[in-house]
Amino acid sequence: MSQLQQGMAILIATFHKYSGKEGDKLTLSKGELKELLEKELGDIFGKTTDKAALDKIFKDLDANADGTVDFQEYVTLVACLTMLCNEFFTKK
């Protein structure tokens, strides 16, 4: 697999590592999202102990307002974070 294909496989595997623990295996609940953010993106988010901040992240991600974060909404988060990281490292 190419590096890009490996990255795509990791995105998929990471989503499914956390989804379904509290219900639907195709979505992330707020608790599952919190665990994913802490364990996979802890360097960026730190410990998500601020409930209001977590609620805002969840609400902003939950584009269709169904109370869960689906794969498309999760990929949107990862894409936005990747863009921000790229901008940070390419600024001169």
PDB file of N, CA and C in Angstrom:
ATOM      1  N   MET A   1       0.840  -1.186   0.000  1.00  0.00           N
ATOM      2  CA  MET A   1       0.000   0.000   0.000  1.00  0.00           C
ATOM      3  C   MET A   1       0.883   1.248   0.000  1.00  0.00           C
ATOM      4  N   SER A   2       0.392   2.277  -0.676  1.00  0.00           N
ATOM      5  CA  SER A   2       1.114   3.546  -0.666  1.00  0.00           C
ATOM      6  C   SER A   2       0.952   4.197   0.711  1.00  0.00           C
ATOM      7  N   GLN A   3       1.744   5.224   0.982  1.00  0.00           N
ATOM      8  CA  GLN A   3       1.628   5.923   2.261  1.00  0.00           C
ATOM      9  C   GLN A   3       0.241   6.546   2.420  1.00  0.00           C
ATOM     10  N   LEU A   4      -0.306   7.080   1.334  1.00  0.00           N
ATOM     11  CA  LEU A   4      -1.636   7.676   1.404  1.00  0.00           C
ATOM     12  C   LEU A   4      -2.694   6.620   1.714  1.00  0.00           C
ATOM     13  N   GLN A   5      -2.585   5.455   1.073  1.00  0.00           N
ATOM     14  CA  GLN A   5      -3.533   4.369   1.353  1.00  0.00           C
ATOM     15  C   GLN A   5      -3.402   3.893   2.795  1.00  0.00           C
ATOM     16  N   GLN A   6      -2.178   3.835   3.304  1.00  0.00           N
ATOM     17  CA  GLN A   6      -1.967   3.460   4.702  1.00  0.00           C
ATOM     18  C   GLN A   6      -2.619   4.478   5.634  1.00  0.00           C
ATOM     19  N   GLY A   7      -2.478   5.770   5.304  1.00  0.00           N
ATOM     20  CA  GLY A   7      -3.108   6.812   6.102  1.00  0.00           C
ATOM     21  C   GLY A   7      -4.623   6.681   6.113  1.00  0.00           C
ATOM     22  N   MET A   8      -5.195   6.377   4.957  1.00  0.00           N
ATOM     23  CA  MET A   8      -6.639   6.183   4.868  1.00  0.00           C
ATOM     24  C   MET A   8      -7.075   4.990   5.715  1.00  0.00           C
ATOM     25  N   ALA A   9      -6.314   3.905   5.651  1.00  0.00           N
ATOM     26  CA  ALA A   9      -6.641   2.711   6.438  1.00  0.00           C
ATOM     27  C   ALA A   9      -6.559   3.006   7.934  1.00  0.00           C
ATOM     28  N   ILE A  10      -5.588   3.824   8.331  1.00  0.00           N
ATOM     29  CA  ILE A  10      -5.454   4.191   9.745  1.00  0.00           C
ATOM     30  C   ILE A  10      -6.631   5.041  10.196  1.00  0.00           C
ATOM     31  N   LEU A  11      -7.074   5.993   9.347  1.00  0.00           N
ATOM     32  CA  LEU A  11      -8.247   6.807   9.681  1.00  0.00           C
ATOM     33  C   LEU A  11      -9.469   5.930   9.930  1.00  0.00           C
ATOM     34  N   ILE A  12      -9.673   4.979   9.042  1.00  0.00           N
ATOM     35  CA  ILE A  12     -10.829   4.071   9.154  1.00  0.00           C
ATOM     36  C   ILE A  12     -10.714   3.212  10.413  1.00  0.00           C
ATOM     37  N   ALA A  13      -9.544   2.609  10.604  1.00  0.00           N
ATOM     38  CA  ALA A  13      -9.350   1.722  11.758  1.00  0.00           C
ATOM     39  C   ALA A  13      -9.497   2.469  13.080  1.00  0.00           C
ATOM     40  N   THR A  14      -8.991   3.695  13.132  1.00  0.00           N
ATOM     41  CA  THR A  14      -9.087   4.479  14.365  1.00  0.00           C
ATOM     42  C   THR A  14     -10.536   4.807  14.692  1.00  0.00           C
ATOM     43  N   PHE A  15     -11.317   5.193  13.696  1.00  0.00           N
ATOM     44  CA  PHE A  15     -12.742   5.465  13.922  1.00  0.00           C
ATOM     45  C   PHE A  15     -13.425   4.230  14.508  1.00  0.00           C
ATOM     46  N   HIS A  16     -13.207   3.078  13.895  1.00  0.00           N
ATOM     47  CA  HIS A  16     -13.900   1.860  14.322  1.00  0.00           C
ATOM     48  C   HIS A  16     -13.359   1.286  15.626  1.00  0.00           C
ATOM     49  N   LYS A  17     -12.170   1.706  16.018  1.00  0.00           N
ATOM     50  CA  LYS A  17     -11.619   1.307  17.317  1.00  0.00           C
ATOM     51  C   LYS A  17     -12.475   1.871  18.462  1.00  0.00           C
ATOM     52  N   TYR A  18     -13.057   3.046  18.246  1.00  0.00           N
ATOM     53  CA  TYR A  18     -13.831   3.721  19.292  1.00  0.00           C
ATOM     54  C   TYR A  18     -15.337   3.674  19.071  1.00  0.00           C
ATOM     55  N   SER A  19     -15.786   3.542  17.833  1.00  0.00           N
ATOM     56  CA  SER A  19     -17.225   3.544  17.559  1.00  0.00           C
ATOM     57  C   SER A  19     -17.864   2.238  18.021  1.00  0.00           C
ATOM     58  N   GLY A  20     -19.116   2.319  18.402  1.00  0.00           N
ATOM     59  CA  GLY A  20     -19.883   1.127  18.743  1.00  0.00           C
ATOM     60  C   GLY A  20     -19.753   0.641  20.159  1.00  0.00           C
ATOM     61  N   LYS A  21     -18.911   1.248  20.969  1.00  0.00           N
ATOM     62  CA  LYS A  21     -18.777   0.814  22.359  1.00  0.00           C
ATOM     63  C   LYS A  21     -20.038   1.127  23.160  1.00  0.00           C
ATOM     64  N   GLU A  22     -20.739   2.205  22.743  1.00  0.00           N
ATOM     65  CA  GLU A  22     -21.933   2.639  23.473  1.00  0.00           C
ATOM     66  C   GLU A  22     -23.190   2.567  22.615  1.00  0.00           C
ATOM     67  N   GLY A  23     -23.139   1.850  21.517  1.00  0.00           N
ATOM     68  CA  GLY A  23     -24.323   1.779  20.657  1.00  0.00           C
ATOM     69  C   GLY A  23     -23.946   1.462  19.227  1.00  0.00           C
ATOM     70  N   ASP A  24     -24.384   2.305  18.305  1.00  0.00           N
ATOM     71  CA  ASP A  24     -24.198   2.094  16.875  1.00  0.00           C
ATOM     72  C   ASP A  24     -22.719   2.014  16.519  1.00  0.00           C
ATOM     73  N   LYS A  25     -22.333   0.946  15.838  1.00  0.00           N
ATOM     74  CA  LYS A  25     -20.923   0.761  15.475  1.00  0.00           C
ATOM     75  C   LYS A  25     -20.487   1.676  14.336  1.00  0.00           C
ATOM     76  N   LEU A  26     -21.419   2.395  13.730  1.00  0.00           N
ATOM     77  CA  LEU A  26     -21.088   3.294  12.623  1.00  0.00           C
ATOM     78  C   LEU A  26     -21.021   4.755  13.041  1.00  0.00           C
ATOM     79  N   THR A  27     -21.172   5.011  14.365  1.00  0.00           N
ATOM     80  CA  THR A  27     -21.113   6.382  14.861  1.00  0.00           C
ATOM     81  C   THR A  27     -20.334   6.433  16.174  1.00  0.00           C
ATOM     82  N   LEU A  28     -19.937   7.655  16.528  1.00  0.00           N
ATOM     83  CA  LEU A  28     -19.296   7.905  17.821  1.00  0.00           C
ATOM     84  C   LEU A  28     -20.275   8.657  18.718  1.00  0.00           C
ATOM     85  N   SER A  29     -20.451   8.171  19.928  1.00  0.00           N
ATOM     86  CA  SER A  29     -21.216   8.907  20.930  1.00  0.00           C
ATOM     87  C   SER A  29     -20.294   9.994  21.494  1.00  0.00           C
ATOM     88  N   LYS A  30     -20.828  10.846  22.338  1.00  0.00           N
ATOM     89  CA  LYS A  30     -20.000  11.879  22.956  1.00  0.00           C
ATOM     90  C   LYS A  30     -18.884  11.246  23.796  1.00  0.00           C
ATOM     91  N   GLY A  31     -19.200  10.187  24.517  1.00  0.00           N
ATOM     92  CA  GLY A  31     -18.187   9.502  25.330  1.00  0.00           C
ATOM     93  C   GLY A  31     -17.109   8.857  24.477  1.00  0.00           C
ATOM     94  N   GLU A  32     -17.524   8.248  23.390  1.00  0.00           N
ATOM     95  CA  GLU A  32     -16.557   7.621  22.481  1.00  0.00           C
ATOM     96  C   GLU A  32     -15.666   8.678  21.831  1.00  0.00           C
ATOM     97  N   LEU A  33     -16.254   9.814  21.448  1.00  0.00           N
ATOM     98  CA  LEU A  33     -15.465  10.896  20.864  1.00  0.00           C
ATOM     99  C   LEU A  33     -14.459  11.424  21.878  1.00  0.00           C
ATOM    100  N   LYS A  34     -14.878  11.596  23.121  1.00  0.00           N
ATOM    101  CA  LYS A  34     -13.976  12.078  24.170  1.00  0.00           C
ATOM    102  C   LYS A  34     -12.792  11.130  24.318  1.00  0.00           C
ATOM    103  N   GLU A  35     -13.062   9.833  24.355  1.00  0.00           N
ATOM    104  CA  GLU A  35     -11.983   8.848  24.485  1.00  0.00           C
ATOM    105  C   GLU A  35     -11.032   8.912  23.286  1.00  0.00           C
ATOM    106  N   LEU A  36     -11.578   9.025  22.094  1.00  0.00           N
ATOM    107  CA  LEU A  36     -10.752   9.128  20.886  1.00  0.00           C
ATOM    108  C   LEU A  36      -9.874  10.381  20.942  1.00  0.00           C
ATOM    109  N   LEU A  37     -10.456  11.525  21.295  1.00  0.00           N
ATOM    110  CA  LEU A  37      -9.690  12.767  21.362  1.00  0.00           C
ATOM    111  C   LEU A  37      -8.555  12.674  22.377  1.00  0.00           C
ATOM    112  N   GLU A  38      -8.846  12.089  23.543  1.00  0.00           N
ATOM    113  CA  GLU A  38      -7.831  11.973  24.588  1.00  0.00           C
ATOM    114  C   GLU A  38      -6.718  11.012  24.205  1.00  0.00           C
ATOM    115  N   LYS A  39      -7.078   9.867  23.647  1.00  0.00           N
ATOM    116  CA  LYS A  39      -6.079   8.830  23.379  1.00  0.00           C
ATOM    117  C   LYS A  39      -5.347   9.018  22.060  1.00  0.00           C
ATOM    118  N   GLU A  40      -6.017   9.545  21.059  1.00  0.00           N
ATOM    119  CA  GLU A  40      -5.410   9.645  19.734  1.00  0.00           C
ATOM    120  C   GLU A  40      -4.905  11.055  19.408  1.00  0.00           C
ATOM    121  N   LEU A  41      -5.505  12.066  20.019  1.00  0.00           N
ATOM    122  CA  LEU A  41      -5.133  13.455  19.720  1.00  0.00           C
ATOM    123  C   LEU A  41      -4.804  14.224  20.997  1.00  0.00           C
ATOM    124  N   GLY A  42      -4.349  13.510  22.012  1.00  0.00           N
ATOM    125  CA  GLY A  42      -4.048  14.120  23.307  1.00  0.00           C
ATOM    126  C   GLY A  42      -3.023  15.234  23.229  1.00  0.00           C
ATOM    127  N   ASP A  43      -2.052  15.105  22.330  1.00  0.00           N
ATOM    128  CA  ASP A  43      -1.036  16.148  22.183  1.00  0.00           C
ATOM    129  C   ASP A  43      -1.651  17.449  21.692  1.00  0.00           C
ATOM    130  N   ILE A  44      -2.728  17.360  20.937  1.00  0.00           N
ATOM    131  CA  ILE A  44      -3.391  18.546  20.394  1.00  0.00           C
ATOM    132  C   ILE A  44      -4.457  19.057  21.361  1.00  0.00           C
ATOM    133  N   PHE A  45      -5.289  18.142  21.867  1.00  0.00           N
ATOM    134  CA  PHE A  45      -6.409  18.541  22.710  1.00  0.00           C
ATOM    135  C   PHE A  45      -6.111  18.507  24.199  1.00  0.00           C
ATOM    136  N   GLY A  46      -5.074  17.783  24.600  1.00  0.00           N
ATOM    137  CA  GLY A  46      -4.829  17.608  26.019  1.00  0.00           C
ATOM    138  C   GLY A  46      -5.946  16.777  26.626  1.00  0.00           C
ATOM    139  N   LYS A  47      -6.076  16.857  27.923  1.00  0.00           N
ATOM    140  CA  LYS A  47      -7.174  16.161  28.597  1.00  0.00           C
ATOM    141  C   LYS A  47      -8.444  16.984  28.428  1.00  0.00           C
ATOM    142  N   THR A  48      -9.463  16.386  27.854  1.00  0.00           N
ATOM    143  CA  THR A  48     -10.714  17.103  27.601  1.00  0.00           C
ATOM    144  C   THR A  48     -11.584  17.076  28.858  1.00  0.00           C
ATOM    145  N   THR A  49     -11.131  17.792  29.887  1.00  0.00           N
ATOM    146  CA  THR A  49     -11.880  17.831  31.142  1.00  0.00           C
ATOM    147  C   THR A  49     -12.904  18.955  31.146  1.00  0.00           C
ATOM    148  N   ASP A  50     -12.780  19.889  30.231  1.00  0.00           N
ATOM    149  CA  ASP A  50     -13.724  21.001  30.132  1.00  0.00           C
ATOM    150  C   ASP A  50     -14.974  20.512  29.407  1.00  0.00           C
ATOM    151  N   LYS A  51     -16.025  20.225  30.185  1.00  0.00           N
ATOM    152  CA  LYS A  51     -17.255  19.669  29.601  1.00  0.00           C
ATOM    153  C   LYS A  51     -17.862  20.607  28.563  1.00  0.00           C
ATOM    154  N   ALA A  52     -17.828  21.902  28.806  1.00  0.00           N
ATOM    155  CA  ALA A  52     -18.393  22.859  27.850  1.00  0.00           C
ATOM    156  C   ALA A  52     -17.630  22.825  26.534  1.00  0.00           C
ATOM    157  N   ALA A  53     -16.308  22.715  26.607  1.00  0.00           N
ATOM    158  CA  ALA A  53     -15.504  22.655  25.384  1.00  0.00           C
ATOM    159  C   ALA A  53     -15.807  21.376  24.615  1.00  0.00           C
ATOM    160  N   LEU A  54     -15.920  20.254  25.327  1.00  0.00           N
ATOM    161  CA  LEU A  54     -16.245  18.987  24.676  1.00  0.00           C
ATOM    162  C   LEU A  54     -17.636  19.053  24.045  1.00  0.00           C
ATOM    163  N   ASP A  55     -18.588  19.639  24.760  1.00  0.00           N
ATOM    164  CA  ASP A  55     -19.948  19.782  24.214  1.00  0.00           C
ATOM    165  C   ASP A  55     -19.929  20.607  22.924  1.00  0.00           C
ATOM    166  N   LYS A  56     -19.123  21.680  22.892  1.00  0.00           N
ATOM    167  CA  LYS A  56     -19.049  22.524  21.700  1.00  0.00           C
ATOM    168  C   LYS A  56     -18.413  21.765  20.541  1.00  0.00           C
ATOM    169  N   ILE A  57     -17.320  21.050  20.796  1.00  0.00           N
ATOM    170  CA  ILE A  57     -16.678  20.256  19.743  1.00  0.00           C
ATOM    171  C   ILE A  57     -17.683  19.260  19.177  1.00  0.00           C
ATOM    172  N   PHE A  58     -18.385  18.556  20.074  1.00  0.00           N
ATOM    173  CA  PHE A  58     -19.352  17.544  19.646  1.00  0.00           C
ATOM    174  C   PHE A  58     -20.471  18.179  18.828  1.00  0.00           C
ATOM    175  N   LYS A  59     -21.009  19.294  19.312  1.00  0.00           N
ATOM    176  CA  LYS A  59     -22.110  19.970  18.602  1.00  0.00           C
ATOM    177  C   LYS A  59     -21.652  20.446  17.228  1.00  0.00           C
ATOM    178  N   ASP A  60     -20.446  21.016  17.165  1.00  0.00           N
ATOM    179  CA  ASP A  60     -19.929  21.506  15.888  1.00  0.00           C
ATOM    180  C   ASP A  60     -19.686  20.366  14.899  1.00  0.00           C
ATOM    181  N   LEU A  61     -19.234  19.231  15.399  1.00  0.00           N
ATOM    182  CA  LEU A  61     -18.988  18.082  14.527  1.00  0.00           C
ATOM    183  C   LEU A  61     -20.276  17.419  14.062  1.00  0.00           C
ATOM    184  N   ASP A  62     -21.265  17.397  14.933  1.00  0.00           N
ATOM    185  CA  ASP A  62     -22.527  16.709  14.649  1.00  0.00           C
ATOM    186  C   ASP A  62     -23.365  17.548  13.687  1.00  0.00           C
ATOM    187  N   ALA A  63     -22.913  17.606  12.432  1.00  0.00           N
ATOM    188  CA  ALA A  63     -23.509  18.488  11.421  1.00  0.00           C
ATOM    189  C   ALA A  63     -24.998  18.228  11.206  1.00  0.00           C
ATOM    190  N   ASN A  64     -25.409  16.966  11.281  1.00  0.00           N
ATOM    191  CA  ASN A  64     -26.818  16.659  11.040  1.00  0.00           C
ATOM    192  C   ASN A  64     -27.637  16.613  12.336  1.00  0.00           C
ATOM    193  N   ALA A  65     -27.025  16.975  13.453  1.00  0.00           N
ATOM    194  CA  ALA A  65     -27.701  17.093  14.750  1.00  0.00           C
ATOM    195  C   ALA A  65     -28.453  15.830  15.169  1.00  0.00           C
ATOM    196  N   ASP A  66     -27.849  14.673  14.911  1.00  0.00           N
ATOM    197  CA  ASP A  66     -28.504  13.423  15.306  1.00  0.00           C
ATOM    198  C   ASP A  66     -27.990  12.881  16.642  1.00  0.00           C
ATOM    199  N   GLY A  67     -27.113  13.639  17.302  1.00  0.00           N
ATOM    200  CA  GLY A  67     -26.614  13.225  18.613  1.00  0.00           C
ATOM    201  C   GLY A  67     -25.429  12.287  18.557  1.00  0.00           C
ATOM    202  N   THR A  68     -24.909  12.039  17.367  1.00  0.00           N
ATOM    203  CA  THR A  68     -23.727  11.194  17.205  1.00  0.00           C
ATOM    204  C   THR A  68     -22.815  11.819  16.150  1.00  0.00           C
ATOM    205  N   VAL A  69     -21.577  11.342  16.106  1.00  0.00           N
ATOM    206  CA  VAL A  69     -20.630  11.772  15.080  1.00  0.00           C
ATOM    207  C   VAL A  69     -20.405  10.583  14.154  1.00  0.00           C
ATOM    208  N   ASP A  70     -20.801  10.746  12.885  1.00  0.00           N
ATOM    209  CA  ASP A  70     -20.605   9.656  11.930  1.00  0.00           C
ATOM    210  C   ASP A  70     -19.220   9.761  11.278  1.00  0.00           C
ATOM    211  N   PHE A  71     -18.906   8.839  10.397  1.00  0.00           N
ATOM    212  CA  PHE A  71     -17.572   8.791   9.802  1.00  0.00           C
ATOM    213  C   PHE A  71     -17.253  10.061   9.020  1.00  0.00           C
ATOM    214  N   GLN A  72     -18.205  10.576   8.273  1.00  0.00           N
ATOM    215  CA  GLN A  72     -17.974  11.796   7.495  1.00  0.00           C
ATOM    216  C   GLN A  72     -17.663  12.980   8.414  1.00  0.00           C
ATOM    217  N   GLU A  73     -18.397  13.084   9.517  1.00  0.00           N
ATOM    218  CA  GLU A  73     -18.159  14.174  10.467  1.00  0.00           C
ATOM    219  C   GLU A  73     -16.790  14.021  11.136  1.00  0.00           C
ATOM    220  N   TYR A  74     -16.401  12.795  11.433  1.00  0.00           N
ATOM    221  CA  TYR A  74     -15.077  12.502  12.007  1.00  0.00           C
ATOM    222  C   TYR A  74     -13.969  12.874  11.024  1.00  0.00           C
ATOM    223  N   VAL A  75     -14.121  12.504   9.766  1.00  0.00           N
ATOM    224  CA  VAL A  75     -13.110  12.821   8.752  1.00  0.00           C
ATOM    225  C   VAL A  75     -12.988  14.339   8.585  1.00  0.00           C
ATOM    226  N   THR A  76     -14.096  15.059   8.708  1.00  0.00           N
ATOM    227  CA  THR A  76     -14.058  16.517   8.643  1.00  0.00           C
ATOM    228  C   THR A  76     -13.177  17.083   9.753  1.00  0.00           C
ATOM    229  N   LEU A  77     -13.306  16.556  10.965  1.00  0.00           N
ATOM    230  CA  LEU A  77     -12.457  16.979  12.083  1.00  0.00           C
ATOM    231  C   LEU A  77     -10.993  16.723  11.768  1.00  0.00           C
ATOM    232  N   VAL A  78     -10.677  15.513  11.328  1.00  0.00           N
ATOM    233  CA  VAL A  78      -9.284  15.157  11.045  1.00  0.00           C
ATOM    234  C   VAL A  78      -8.725  16.019   9.914  1.00  0.00           C
ATOM    235  N   ALA A  79      -9.531  16.262   8.887  1.00  0.00           N
ATOM    236  CA  ALA A  79      -9.086  17.093   7.761  1.00  0.00           C
ATOM    237  C   ALA A  79      -8.805  18.525   8.225  1.00  0.00           C
ATOM    238  N   CYS A  80      -9.675  19.082   9.032  1.00  0.00           N
ATOM    239  CA  CYS A  80      -9.468  20.448   9.531  1.00  0.00           C
ATOM    240  C   CYS A  80      -8.215  20.538  10.397  1.00  0.00           C
ATOM    241  N   LEU A  81      -8.020  19.568  11.275  1.00  0.00           N
ATOM    242  CA  LEU A  81      -6.814  19.558  12.111  1.00  0.00           C
ATOM    243  C   LEU A  81      -5.556  19.412  11.264  1.00  0.00           C
ATOM    244  N   THR A  82      -5.625  18.580  10.221  1.00  0.00           N
ATOM    245  CA  THR A  82      -4.485  18.385   9.326  1.00  0.00           C
ATOM    246  C   THR A  82      -4.156  19.691   8.609  1.00  0.00           C
ATOM    247  N   MET A  83      -5.178  20.415   8.166  1.00  0.00           N
ATOM    248  CA  MET A  83      -4.957  21.696   7.499  1.00  0.00           C
ATOM    249  C   MET A  83      -4.305  22.698   8.452  1.00  0.00           C
ATOM    250  N   LEU A  84      -4.765  22.745   9.695  1.00  0.00           N
ATOM    251  CA  LEU A  84      -4.181  23.654  10.669  1.00  0.00           C
ATOM    252  C   LEU A  84      -2.719  23.301  10.956  1.00  0.00           C
ATOM    253  N   CYS A  85      -2.430  22.027  11.087  1.00  0.00           N
ATOM    254  CA  CYS A  85      -1.052  21.585  11.325  1.00  0.00           C
ATOM    255  C   CYS A  85      -0.164  21.945  10.130  1.00  0.00           C
ATOM    256  N   ASN A  86      -0.665  21.749   8.948  1.00  0.00           N
ATOM    257  CA  ASN A  86       0.097  22.082   7.747  1.00  0.00           C
ATOM    258  C   ASN A  86       0.401  23.579   7.703  1.00  0.00           C
ATOM    259  N   GLU A  87      -0.589  24.411   7.995  1.00  0.00           N
ATOM    260  CA  GLU A  87      -0.390  25.862   8.012  1.00  0.00           C
ATOM    261  C   GLU A  87       0.657  26.246   9.062  1.00  0.00           C
ATOM    262  N   PHE A  88       0.599  25.627  10.223  1.00  0.00           N
ATOM    263  CA  PHE A  88       1.544  25.935  11.307  1.00  0.00           C
ATOM    264  C   PHE A  88       2.967  25.618  10.883  1.00  0.00           C
ATOM    265  N   PHE A  89       3.171  24.466  10.243  1.00  0.00           N
ATOM    266  CA  PHE A  89       4.523  24.038   9.891  1.00  0.00           C
ATOM    267  C   PHE A  89       5.056  24.663   8.605  1.00  0.00           C
ATOM    268  N   THR A  90       4.181  25.287   7.818  1.00  0.00           N
ATOM    269  CA  THR A  90       4.650  25.890   6.568  1.00  0.00           C
ATOM    270  C   THR A  90       4.786  27.403   6.658  1.00  0.00           C
ATOM    271  N   LYS A  91       4.384  27.997   7.792  1.00  0.00           N
ATOM    272  CA  LYS A  91       4.546  29.441   7.958  1.00  0.00           C
ATOM    273  C   LYS A  91       6.031  29.768   8.067  1.00  0.00           C
ATOM    274  N   LYS A  92       6.408  30.849   7.417  1.00  0.00           N
ATOM    275  CA  LYS A  92       7.826  31.262   7.461  1.00  0.00           C
ATOM    276  C   LYS A  92       7.988  32.505   8.282  1.00  0.00           C
TER     277      LYS A  92
END
